[in-house]
Amino acid sequence: MRIRNAVLVALAIGAVMYFGLGLVFPREDLHISVKAEALVCIGGEMGYPGECKSGFPITNSLVTTVIVDLLLILMIVFGARNAQMVPRGFQNFVELVVGTFYDFAVGVDKKNVAKFFPFAATAFLLIILSNFIGLMPGAGSIGMCQPYAKAAAEGGEAEHHAANYYAERGWPLTCEPGELLVPFLRAPSADLNMTLALGLISVVLIQYFGLKALGWEYLVRFFNFREGPMFTVIGFIELISEVIRIVSFAFRLFGNIFAGEVVLVVLAHLFPYMLPLPFYAFEVFVAAMQAVIFSVLTLVFMSMATQAHGGHDDAEHGAAAH
């Protein structure tokens, strides 16, 4: 009975995904922009589709980020409201997610888990919700049509032809010729501004926890002039690696999510019905794994930053002595 119900549920989910993707994705006016697209320009005017000539842009990734923030706040409010010793319902789900990640964080660094856990868990929930919302049917394919003003203004015949090509092949709900679709929602992780900000915050917190745990001695791992020229060079290499971590955090997350968007849109143009489904499932897996990777690396680097220079060797010698 349970197996039959599980199979029926799986088939129902597959059917919903099939028809949902089939109806939402096969739009011929879809396009991919490397950066987030502006929906409104506060105090300015729109120019090229998704760009502001002047003013402050309200981008689709910013709108999605606000939605994710509200969902996280509601999750905490409803998960912690009327909390019971024996969790039930939504409280049980929230405690499962938070408790599982907390147990993992304890395995990484039990001593400092209370310091590291808040940011790492928040980053995990923020990224995974952002990625999943970006994969929802309709995100990236439901939006507003904006004139392809740049081509007309600059006389770009090839670009103008491309804009008409998208629209003239369209379905009834596609944009008119000379317009391109700017989606209302887009995964914040596909916006380099978002991932760069997360990477910068993560690296700054790593240095903060290192300085707080070790004091000025923490800087010796970067500016080591006491143990000879070789360790001085190694220290500078360590300093460069810390700066590069910002780029690594940002581009790893951005590259995987943006690449997933490109794959799904290209397949939606070529094979709008069955073929995108396996890739869609794979992108769901990638979306979850990128959230895990970002948060786990943050935990590990924070733990490493709080260990004294040569701390591993000292610990091993101490264990051997006992």
Protein backbone atom coordinates (compact mmCIF):
# COMPACT_ATOMS: atom_id res chain seq x y z
CA MET A 1 0.00 0.00 0.00
CA ARG A 2 2.75 2.43 0.94
CA ILE A 3 4.74 1.59 -2.18
CA ARG A 4 1.68 2.13 -4.36
CA ASN A 5 0.95 5.49 -2.73
CA ALA A 6 4.58 6.55 -3.12
CA VAL A 7 4.50 5.63 -6.83
CA LEU A 8 1.22 7.52 -7.32
CA VAL A 9 2.63 10.61 -5.59
CA ALA A 10 5.80 10.45 -7.73
CA LEU A 11 3.72 10.14 -10.90
CA ALA A 12 1.53 13.07 -9.83
CA ILE A 13 4.56 15.25 -9.16
CA GLY A 14 6.05 14.23 -12.50
CA ALA A 15 2.81 15.10 -14.31
CA VAL A 16 2.63 18.52 -12.65
CA MET A 17 6.25 19.23 -13.54
CA TYR A 18 5.68 17.98 -17.09
CA PHE A 19 2.67 20.15 -17.84
CA GLY A 20 3.98 23.07 -15.77
CA LEU A 21 7.29 23.15 -17.59
CA GLY A 22 5.62 22.52 -20.93
CA LEU A 23 3.30 25.51 -20.51
CA VAL A 24 5.75 27.92 -18.92
CA PHE A 25 9.10 27.25 -20.56
CA PRO A 26 8.38 27.10 -24.32
CA ARG A 27 8.41 30.85 -24.77
CA GLU A 28 10.38 32.10 -27.71
CA ASP A 29 11.05 35.54 -26.25
CA LEU A 30 13.19 34.18 -23.42
CA HIS A 31 16.77 35.35 -23.18
CA ILE A 32 19.58 35.17 -20.66
CA SER A 33 21.37 38.17 -19.19
CA VAL A 34 24.62 37.82 -17.29
CA LYS A 35 23.47 40.42 -14.79
CA ALA A 36 20.18 40.95 -13.01
CA GLU A 37 17.62 42.94 -14.99
CA ALA A 38 15.93 46.07 -13.72
CA LEU A 39 12.15 46.05 -13.43
CA VAL A 40 11.82 49.66 -12.26
CA CYS A 41 14.22 52.59 -12.10
CA ILE A 42 13.59 54.77 -9.07
CA GLY A 43 14.32 58.39 -9.92
CA GLY A 44 15.39 57.55 -13.46
CA GLU A 45 14.27 56.03 -16.73
CA MET A 46 14.60 52.68 -18.45
CA GLY A 47 16.84 52.21 -21.45
CA TYR A 48 17.94 48.88 -22.85
CA PRO A 49 15.63 46.08 -21.61
CA GLY A 50 16.56 45.36 -18.03
CA GLU A 51 18.85 48.38 -17.66
CA CYS A 52 18.48 51.82 -16.14
CA LYS A 53 19.75 54.91 -17.89
CA SER A 54 19.71 56.65 -14.53
CA GLY A 55 18.33 56.22 -11.05
CA PHE A 56 18.30 53.27 -8.66
CA PRO A 57 17.33 49.94 -10.26
CA ILE A 58 14.95 47.48 -8.62
CA THR A 59 16.16 44.22 -10.17
CA ASN A 60 14.39 40.88 -10.43
CA SER A 61 17.06 39.24 -8.27
CA LEU A 62 16.50 41.91 -5.60
CA VAL A 63 12.76 41.18 -5.64
CA THR A 64 13.47 37.47 -5.24
CA THR A 65 15.89 38.18 -2.38
CA VAL A 66 13.22 40.16 -0.53
CA ILE A 67 10.76 37.29 -1.02
CA VAL A 68 13.31 34.79 0.31
CA ASP A 69 14.00 37.02 3.33
CA LEU A 70 10.28 37.22 4.11
CA LEU A 71 9.94 33.44 3.77
CA LEU A 72 12.83 32.90 6.18
CA ILE A 73 11.30 35.30 8.71
CA LEU A 74 7.91 33.59 8.42
CA MET A 75 9.56 30.19 8.75
CA ILE A 76 11.21 31.20 12.02
CA VAL A 77 8.07 32.92 13.35
CA PHE A 78 5.71 30.03 12.65
CA GLY A 79 8.32 27.42 13.53
CA ALA A 80 9.09 28.94 16.94
CA ARG A 81 5.60 30.16 17.80
CA ASN A 82 3.84 27.94 20.33
CA ALA A 83 6.89 25.68 20.47
CA GLN A 84 6.32 22.36 22.20
CA MET A 85 8.68 19.89 23.83
CA VAL A 86 7.50 17.24 21.37
CA PRO A 87 7.54 19.09 18.02
CA ARG A 88 4.64 18.62 15.64
CA GLY A 89 3.73 19.92 12.22
CA PHE A 90 5.77 22.81 10.88
CA GLN A 91 7.83 23.07 14.07
CA ASN A 92 8.98 19.51 13.45
CA PHE A 93 10.17 20.44 9.94
CA VAL A 94 12.03 23.56 11.12
CA GLU A 95 13.74 21.68 13.95
CA LEU A 96 14.69 18.90 11.55
CA VAL A 97 16.40 21.31 9.14
CA VAL A 98 18.10 23.44 11.80
CA GLY A 99 18.99 20.49 14.01
CA THR A 100 20.53 18.50 11.18
CA PHE A 101 22.73 21.39 10.14
CA TYR A 102 23.65 22.13 13.76
CA ASP A 103 24.74 18.52 14.33
CA PHE A 104 26.92 18.76 11.25
CA ALA A 105 28.42 22.05 12.47
CA VAL A 106 29.21 20.42 15.82
CA GLY A 107 31.15 17.76 13.92
CA VAL A 108 33.22 20.45 12.21
CA ASP A 109 34.08 22.48 15.32
CA LYS A 110 32.33 21.63 18.57
CA LYS A 111 34.19 24.28 20.56
CA ASN A 112 33.16 27.26 18.42
CA VAL A 113 29.88 26.06 16.95
CA ALA A 114 27.89 28.70 18.83
CA LYS A 115 29.89 31.43 17.06
CA PHE A 116 29.97 29.95 13.57
CA PHE A 117 26.51 28.41 13.31
CA PRO A 118 24.30 31.54 12.94
CA PHE A 119 25.93 32.89 9.78
CA ALA A 120 26.60 29.48 8.20
CA ALA A 121 23.01 28.32 8.75
CA THR A 122 21.58 31.63 7.53
CA ALA A 123 23.72 31.49 4.39
CA PHE A 124 22.63 27.89 3.77
CA LEU A 125 18.92 28.66 4.09
CA LEU A 126 19.20 31.88 2.07
CA ILE A 127 21.07 30.23 -0.80
CA ILE A 128 18.99 27.06 -1.00
CA LEU A 129 15.68 28.95 -0.94
CA SER A 130 16.98 31.44 -3.52
CA ASN A 131 18.10 28.64 -5.81
CA PHE A 132 14.85 26.71 -5.49
CA ILE A 133 12.70 29.77 -6.18
CA GLY A 134 14.81 30.44 -9.27
CA LEU A 135 13.93 26.94 -10.51
CA MET A 136 10.19 27.25 -9.98
CA PRO A 137 8.17 27.08 -13.21
CA GLY A 138 7.46 30.69 -14.16
CA ALA A 139 10.59 32.18 -12.62
CA GLY A 140 12.53 33.50 -15.56
CA SER A 141 9.64 33.10 -17.99
CA ILE A 142 6.90 35.32 -16.51
CA GLY A 143 7.58 39.03 -16.59
CA MET A 144 7.12 42.27 -18.48
CA CYS A 145 7.91 43.09 -22.08
CA GLN A 146 10.27 46.01 -22.58
CA PRO A 147 11.11 47.67 -25.91
CA TYR A 148 14.38 46.73 -27.52
CA ALA A 149 15.35 50.42 -27.46
CA LYS A 150 19.09 49.93 -27.72
CA ALA A 151 18.91 48.35 -31.14
CA ALA A 152 16.67 51.08 -32.52
CA ALA A 153 18.77 53.87 -31.01
CA GLU A 154 22.12 52.51 -32.16
CA GLY A 155 20.97 51.12 -35.47
CA GLY A 156 21.92 47.55 -34.52
CA GLU A 157 20.34 45.62 -37.37
CA ALA A 158 21.51 42.20 -36.14
CA GLU A 159 20.25 42.80 -32.62
CA HIS A 160 16.99 44.26 -33.90
CA HIS A 161 16.53 41.20 -36.13
CA ALA A 162 17.16 38.93 -33.15
CA ALA A 163 14.55 40.74 -31.09
CA ASN A 164 11.95 40.34 -33.85
CA TYR A 165 12.98 36.70 -34.31
CA TYR A 166 12.15 35.93 -30.69
CA ALA A 167 8.77 37.65 -30.78
CA GLU A 168 7.52 36.68 -34.24
CA ARG A 169 7.90 32.96 -33.48
CA GLY A 170 6.03 33.44 -30.22
CA TRP A 171 2.97 32.03 -28.59
CA PRO A 172 -0.07 34.22 -27.86
CA LEU A 173 1.43 35.36 -24.55
CA THR A 174 4.86 36.27 -25.89
CA CYS A 175 6.14 39.79 -26.40
CA GLU A 176 5.45 41.90 -29.45
CA PRO A 177 8.08 42.32 -32.18
CA GLY A 178 10.83 44.64 -30.99
CA GLU A 179 10.37 43.69 -27.33
CA LEU A 180 12.15 41.30 -25.00
CA LEU A 181 10.92 39.66 -21.83
CA VAL A 182 12.30 40.85 -18.47
CA PRO A 183 11.26 38.25 -15.86
CA PHE A 184 9.80 39.30 -12.52
CA LEU A 185 11.79 36.70 -10.59
CA ARG A 186 15.32 35.42 -10.97
CA ALA A 187 17.56 33.36 -8.72
CA PRO A 188 19.65 35.80 -6.64
CA SER A 189 22.59 33.38 -6.91
CA ALA A 190 22.63 34.05 -10.66
CA ASP A 191 23.46 37.68 -9.86
CA LEU A 192 27.19 38.19 -9.25
CA ASN A 193 26.42 41.12 -6.93
CA MET A 194 24.66 38.74 -4.56
CA THR A 195 27.30 36.01 -4.56
CA LEU A 196 30.13 38.54 -4.28
CA ALA A 197 28.46 40.12 -1.25
CA LEU A 198 28.03 36.71 0.42
CA GLY A 199 31.64 35.80 -0.32
CA LEU A 200 32.91 39.10 1.05
CA ILE A 201 30.87 38.75 4.25
CA SER A 202 32.07 35.19 4.71
CA VAL A 203 35.76 36.05 4.31
CA VAL A 204 35.47 39.10 6.58
CA LEU A 205 33.87 36.96 9.29
CA ILE A 206 36.62 34.36 8.90
CA GLN A 207 39.24 37.02 9.60
CA TYR A 208 37.17 38.43 12.47
CA PHE A 209 36.88 35.08 14.24
CA GLY A 210 40.58 34.42 13.69
CA LEU A 211 41.57 37.75 15.24
CA LYS A 212 39.10 37.33 18.08
CA ALA A 213 40.41 33.84 18.93
CA LEU A 214 44.16 34.44 18.53
CA GLY A 215 44.59 38.20 18.79
CA TRP A 216 47.35 39.82 16.81
CA GLU A 217 49.09 36.44 16.70
CA TYR A 218 46.61 35.54 13.97
CA LEU A 219 48.41 37.93 11.59
CA VAL A 220 51.62 35.92 11.94
CA ARG A 221 50.30 33.36 9.46
CA PHE A 222 50.29 36.14 6.84
CA PHE A 223 53.25 38.24 7.95
CA ASN A 224 55.74 35.75 9.33
CA PHE A 225 59.14 37.42 9.59
CA ARG A 226 60.36 35.38 12.55
CA GLU A 227 61.06 32.01 10.94
CA GLY A 228 63.08 32.94 7.88
CA PRO A 229 62.49 34.02 4.29
CA MET A 230 60.71 30.79 3.32
CA PHE A 231 57.94 31.30 5.90
CA THR A 232 57.70 34.97 4.91
CA VAL A 233 56.92 33.92 1.32
CA ILE A 234 54.46 31.28 2.54
CA GLY A 235 52.73 33.94 4.62
CA PHE A 236 52.25 36.21 1.63
CA ILE A 237 50.86 33.25 -0.33
CA GLU A 238 48.42 32.62 2.52
CA LEU A 239 47.37 36.28 2.40
CA ILE A 240 46.74 36.08 -1.34
CA SER A 241 44.75 32.87 -0.88
CA GLU A 242 42.50 34.61 1.66
CA VAL A 243 41.70 37.36 -0.85
CA ILE A 244 41.12 34.82 -3.62
CA ARG A 245 38.58 33.06 -1.43
CA ILE A 246 36.21 35.98 -2.05
CA VAL A 247 36.39 35.33 -5.78
CA SER A 248 36.16 31.58 -5.25
CA PHE A 249 33.04 31.85 -3.08
CA ALA A 250 31.39 34.29 -5.48
CA PHE A 251 32.14 32.67 -8.84
CA ARG A 252 31.57 29.07 -7.76
CA LEU A 253 28.02 29.82 -6.67
CA PHE A 254 27.29 32.27 -9.48
CA GLY A 255 28.78 30.06 -12.20
CA ASN A 256 26.84 26.92 -11.28
CA ILE A 257 23.46 28.63 -10.93
CA PHE A 258 23.86 30.84 -13.99
CA ALA A 259 25.01 27.86 -16.07
CA GLY A 260 21.90 25.99 -14.96
CA GLU A 261 19.71 28.86 -16.16
CA VAL A 262 21.41 28.82 -19.55
CA VAL A 263 21.01 25.05 -19.94
CA LEU A 264 17.31 25.09 -19.06
CA VAL A 265 16.50 28.02 -21.34
CA VAL A 266 18.40 26.55 -24.30
CA LEU A 267 16.68 23.18 -23.86
CA ALA A 268 13.32 24.91 -23.48
CA HIS A 269 13.82 26.52 -26.90
CA LEU A 270 14.98 23.32 -28.57
CA PHE A 271 12.89 20.65 -26.82
CA PRO A 272 10.17 22.33 -24.74
CA TYR A 273 8.50 19.25 -23.27
CA MET A 274 10.21 16.04 -22.17
CA LEU A 275 13.95 16.60 -22.56
CA PRO A 276 14.37 19.43 -19.99
CA LEU A 277 12.98 17.28 -17.14
CA PRO A 278 16.15 15.24 -16.36
CA PHE A 279 18.22 18.43 -16.52
CA TYR A 280 15.67 20.17 -14.32
CA ALA A 281 16.06 17.42 -11.71
CA PHE A 282 19.82 17.72 -11.96
CA GLU A 283 19.65 21.49 -11.42
CA VAL A 284 17.56 20.94 -8.29
CA PHE A 285 20.39 18.74 -6.99
CA VAL A 286 23.00 21.35 -7.96
CA ALA A 287 20.99 24.11 -6.27
CA ALA A 288 20.98 22.18 -2.99
CA MET A 289 24.64 21.14 -3.23
CA GLN A 290 25.85 24.69 -3.86
CA ALA A 291 24.13 25.85 -0.67
CA VAL A 292 25.76 23.01 1.25
CA ILE A 293 29.21 23.66 -0.25
CA PHE A 294 29.13 27.38 0.53
CA SER A 295 28.05 26.90 4.15
CA VAL A 296 30.37 23.95 4.81
CA LEU A 297 33.41 25.75 3.39
CA THR A 298 32.53 28.76 5.54
CA LEU A 299 32.41 26.56 8.64
CA VAL A 300 35.70 24.85 7.81
CA PHE A 301 37.56 28.10 7.06
CA MET A 302 36.23 29.70 10.25
CA SER A 303 37.42 26.71 12.25
CA MET A 304 40.85 26.81 10.62
CA ALA A 305 41.17 30.53 11.34
CA THR A 306 40.73 30.00 15.08
CA GLN A 307 43.55 27.44 15.30
CA ALA A 308 46.95 28.73 16.34
CA HIS A 309 49.92 28.53 13.98
CA GLY A 310 51.06 24.93 14.21
CA GLY A 311 48.01 24.08 16.30
CA HIS A 312 47.57 20.68 14.68
CA ASP A 313 51.11 19.61 15.56
CA ASP A 314 50.75 20.80 19.13
CA ALA A 315 47.52 18.89 19.54
CA GLU A 316 49.08 15.73 18.17
CA HIS A 317 52.10 16.00 20.48
CA GLY A 318 49.81 16.61 23.46
CA ALA A 319 47.71 13.56 22.63
CA ALA A 320 50.83 11.44 22.27
CA ALA A 321 52.13 12.62 25.65
CA HIS A 322 48.90 11.58 27.36
